[in-house]
Amino acid sequence: MTDEGSARIGDAVTRLVLTTFRANGVFLAAGDRLVADQELTSARWQVLGAITLAERPLTVAQIARRMGLSRQSVHATVRRLAERGLVTFAANEDHRRSPLVRITDAGAAAYAEAGRKQEDWARGLGAGIPVADLEAAERVIGELCRRLEDGGPGVDGIDPSREEA
C-alpha cells in the first residue's frame, strides 16, 4: 500500500472514530430522553439489557465485561436499579463476595417497554437511509472494535474488566 493510501485510511479511521465519539454522546442523550418517563437512564437501560440478554444471572463484573465498562460504574448503576426494585441480588455459590444480579418482573417490564419505544424511535431515525448503508456501518464499527479488543496494531488489547484510574 502506498503512503498516500495508508494516510487516507488513517484519516478515514480518525474521522470515523471522532464521529463515533460524537454519536455515543448523542445516542446516550437520546436514550435518556426516550426512557425518562420510566425514571430510567441510558446506563440503567443498558444494564437491564445486559442482564436480560444474558438469559441468566450475572455478577457485576460479568455485566461490566459484557458492556465494556468499569466494574465500579456498573456496580453503582446496579445499586440504583436494586433501589427501584428492578433487579435483586442472589447468592453466588462460586464466589461469596460477588452476588448474582437477577432482573425482577418489574425490571423485565421496564426493559420491554423501553424496547418498544426504541423500536419505534429507531425506525423513525433510520427512515430514508438505505438498510445496506446501516448494515455496512455496523460491520465496519464492529470490525474496528474487534481489532481493538484483540490488541490491534500498536494497541494493547482493551480489557474492560480492568480497573480504571
Protein backbone atom coordinates (compact mmCIF):
# COMPACT_ATOMS: atom_id res chain seq x y z
CA MET A 1 0.00 0.00 0.00
CA THR A 2 1.29 3.45 -0.85
CA ASP A 3 2.00 6.08 1.80
CA GLU A 4 -0.87 8.10 0.34
CA GLY A 5 -3.25 5.13 0.56
CA SER A 6 -2.16 4.43 4.13
CA ALA A 7 -2.62 8.09 5.07
CA ARG A 8 -6.12 8.11 3.56
CA ILE A 9 -7.03 5.02 5.60
CA GLY A 10 -5.68 6.64 8.76
CA ASP A 11 -7.60 9.84 8.08
CA ALA A 12 -10.81 7.93 7.37
CA VAL A 13 -10.49 5.87 10.56
CA THR A 14 -9.77 9.03 12.57
CA ARG A 15 -12.88 10.74 11.18
CA LEU A 16 -14.94 7.62 11.91
CA VAL A 17 -13.64 7.44 15.49
CA LEU A 18 -14.40 11.12 16.09
CA THR A 19 -17.88 10.72 14.63
CA THR A 20 -18.40 7.65 16.82
CA PHE A 21 -17.40 9.61 19.93
CA ARG A 22 -19.93 12.28 18.99
CA ALA A 23 -22.57 9.66 18.18
CA ASN A 24 -22.04 7.98 21.55
CA GLY A 25 -22.90 11.19 23.39
CA VAL A 26 -25.85 12.00 21.14
CA PHE A 27 -27.25 8.46 21.38
CA LEU A 28 -26.89 8.35 25.17
CA ALA A 29 -28.70 11.69 25.49
CA ALA A 30 -31.46 10.47 23.16
CA GLY A 31 -31.74 7.25 25.16
CA ASP A 32 -32.03 9.23 28.38
CA ARG A 33 -34.91 11.23 26.88
CA LEU A 34 -36.55 8.10 25.47
CA VAL A 35 -36.79 6.37 28.87
CA ALA A 36 -37.03 9.41 31.16
CA ASP A 37 -40.74 8.86 31.80
CA GLN A 38 -39.83 5.41 33.16
CA GLU A 39 -37.33 7.02 35.54
CA LEU A 40 -34.52 5.22 33.72
CA THR A 41 -31.31 6.46 32.15
CA SER A 42 -29.43 5.02 29.20
CA ALA A 43 -26.95 3.43 31.63
CA ARG A 44 -29.68 1.73 33.65
CA TRP A 45 -31.44 0.62 30.48
CA GLN A 46 -28.18 -0.85 29.14
CA VAL A 47 -27.56 -2.80 32.34
CA LEU A 48 -31.12 -4.18 32.27
CA GLY A 49 -30.43 -5.22 28.69
CA ALA A 50 -27.15 -6.94 29.53
CA ILE A 51 -28.88 -8.96 32.24
CA THR A 52 -31.90 -9.77 30.06
CA LEU A 53 -29.85 -10.78 27.03
CA ALA A 54 -27.59 -13.00 29.13
CA GLU A 55 -30.64 -15.13 29.95
CA ARG A 56 -29.06 -15.99 33.31
CA PRO A 57 -28.00 -14.08 36.40
CA LEU A 58 -24.59 -12.41 36.17
CA THR A 59 -22.21 -10.81 38.63
CA VAL A 60 -21.49 -7.10 38.40
CA ALA A 61 -18.03 -7.91 37.00
CA GLN A 62 -19.56 -10.11 34.28
CA ILE A 63 -22.04 -7.39 33.34
CA ALA A 64 -19.21 -4.85 33.17
CA ARG A 65 -17.12 -7.09 30.89
CA ARG A 66 -20.05 -7.67 28.53
CA MET A 67 -20.74 -3.93 28.35
CA GLY A 68 -17.10 -2.81 28.11
CA LEU A 69 -17.45 -0.64 31.20
CA SER A 70 -15.70 -0.40 34.55
CA ARG A 71 -16.93 -2.60 37.35
CA GLN A 72 -17.38 0.45 39.58
CA SER A 73 -19.72 2.25 37.19
CA VAL A 74 -21.82 -0.87 36.66
CA HIS A 75 -21.92 -1.51 40.42
CA ALA A 76 -23.32 2.00 41.02
CA THR A 77 -25.93 1.51 38.29
CA VAL A 78 -26.95 -1.92 39.61
CA ARG A 79 -27.30 -0.46 43.11
CA ARG A 80 -29.69 2.20 41.77
CA LEU A 81 -31.68 -0.43 39.87
CA ALA A 82 -31.95 -2.51 43.05
CA GLU A 83 -33.19 0.53 44.99
CA ARG A 84 -36.01 0.82 42.44
CA GLY A 85 -36.83 -2.91 42.63
CA LEU A 86 -35.79 -3.58 39.03
CA VAL A 87 -33.05 -6.04 39.97
CA THR A 88 -32.30 -8.12 43.02
CA PHE A 89 -29.24 -9.94 44.33
CA ALA A 90 -28.88 -13.68 44.82
CA ALA A 91 -26.20 -15.75 46.48
CA ASN A 92 -23.40 -16.89 44.20
CA GLU A 93 -22.14 -20.34 45.16
CA ASP A 94 -18.99 -19.81 43.07
CA HIS A 95 -17.98 -16.54 44.74
CA ARG A 96 -19.48 -15.46 48.07
CA ARG A 97 -18.43 -11.81 47.68
CA SER A 98 -19.87 -11.42 44.15
CA PRO A 99 -23.63 -11.90 44.27
CA LEU A 100 -25.58 -12.65 41.14
CA VAL A 101 -27.78 -9.89 39.76
CA ARG A 102 -31.26 -11.00 38.75
CA ILE A 103 -33.82 -8.95 36.90
CA THR A 104 -37.20 -8.71 38.63
CA ASP A 105 -40.59 -8.82 36.95
CA ALA A 106 -40.73 -5.03 37.27
CA GLY A 107 -37.27 -4.78 35.66
CA ALA A 108 -38.28 -7.07 32.80
CA ALA A 109 -41.41 -4.99 32.21
CA ALA A 110 -39.40 -1.74 32.23
CA TYR A 111 -36.87 -3.21 29.79
CA ALA A 112 -39.64 -4.46 27.47
CA GLU A 113 -41.35 -1.05 27.50
CA ALA A 114 -38.05 0.70 26.73
CA GLY A 115 -37.52 -1.76 23.88
CA ARG A 116 -40.90 -0.95 22.36
CA LYS A 117 -40.09 2.75 22.46
CA GLN A 118 -36.64 2.15 20.99
CA GLU A 119 -38.03 0.15 18.06
CA ASP A 120 -40.32 3.00 17.01
CA TRP A 121 -37.56 5.56 17.57
CA ALA A 122 -35.03 3.54 15.51
CA ARG A 123 -37.46 3.18 12.59
CA GLY A 124 -38.01 6.92 12.53
CA LEU A 125 -34.32 7.75 12.91
CA GLY A 126 -33.28 5.39 10.12
CA ALA A 127 -36.06 6.33 7.70
CA GLY A 128 -34.63 7.24 4.31
CA ILE A 129 -31.21 5.68 4.91
CA PRO A 130 -30.66 2.52 2.84
CA VAL A 131 -30.59 -0.59 5.02
CA ALA A 132 -27.40 -1.70 3.25
CA ASP A 133 -25.67 1.52 4.41
CA LEU A 134 -26.77 0.98 8.00
CA GLU A 135 -25.60 -2.64 7.89
CA ALA A 136 -22.23 -1.59 6.39
CA ALA A 137 -21.73 0.99 9.13
CA GLU A 138 -22.43 -1.64 11.79
CA ARG A 139 -20.00 -4.10 10.16
CA VAL A 140 -17.18 -1.54 9.96
CA ILE A 141 -17.60 -0.28 13.52
CA GLY A 142 -17.91 -3.87 14.76
CA GLU A 143 -14.73 -4.89 12.96
CA LEU A 144 -12.78 -1.92 14.35
CA CYS A 145 -13.98 -2.85 17.86
CA ARG A 146 -12.91 -6.47 17.39
CA ARG A 147 -9.46 -5.36 16.20
CA LEU A 148 -9.01 -3.12 19.24
CA GLU A 149 -10.23 -5.83 21.60
CA ASP A 150 -7.74 -8.24 20.02
CA GLY A 151 -4.86 -5.80 20.52
CA GLY A 152 -4.82 -4.21 17.07
CA PRO A 153 -1.73 -2.51 15.64
CA GLY A 154 0.13 -0.52 18.27
CA VAL A 155 -2.58 -1.05 20.88
CA ASP A 156 -2.64 -3.30 23.89
CA GLY A 157 -5.92 -5.22 23.91
CA ILE A 158 -8.78 -3.44 25.60
CA ASP A 159 -9.74 -5.24 28.77
CA PRO A 160 -12.99 -3.71 30.02
CA SER A 161 -12.69 -5.62 33.29
CA ARG A 162 -9.51 -3.76 34.25
CA GLU A 163 -9.76 -1.12 36.90
CA GLU A 164 -9.82 2.44 35.62
CA ALA A 165 -7.72 5.11 37.32
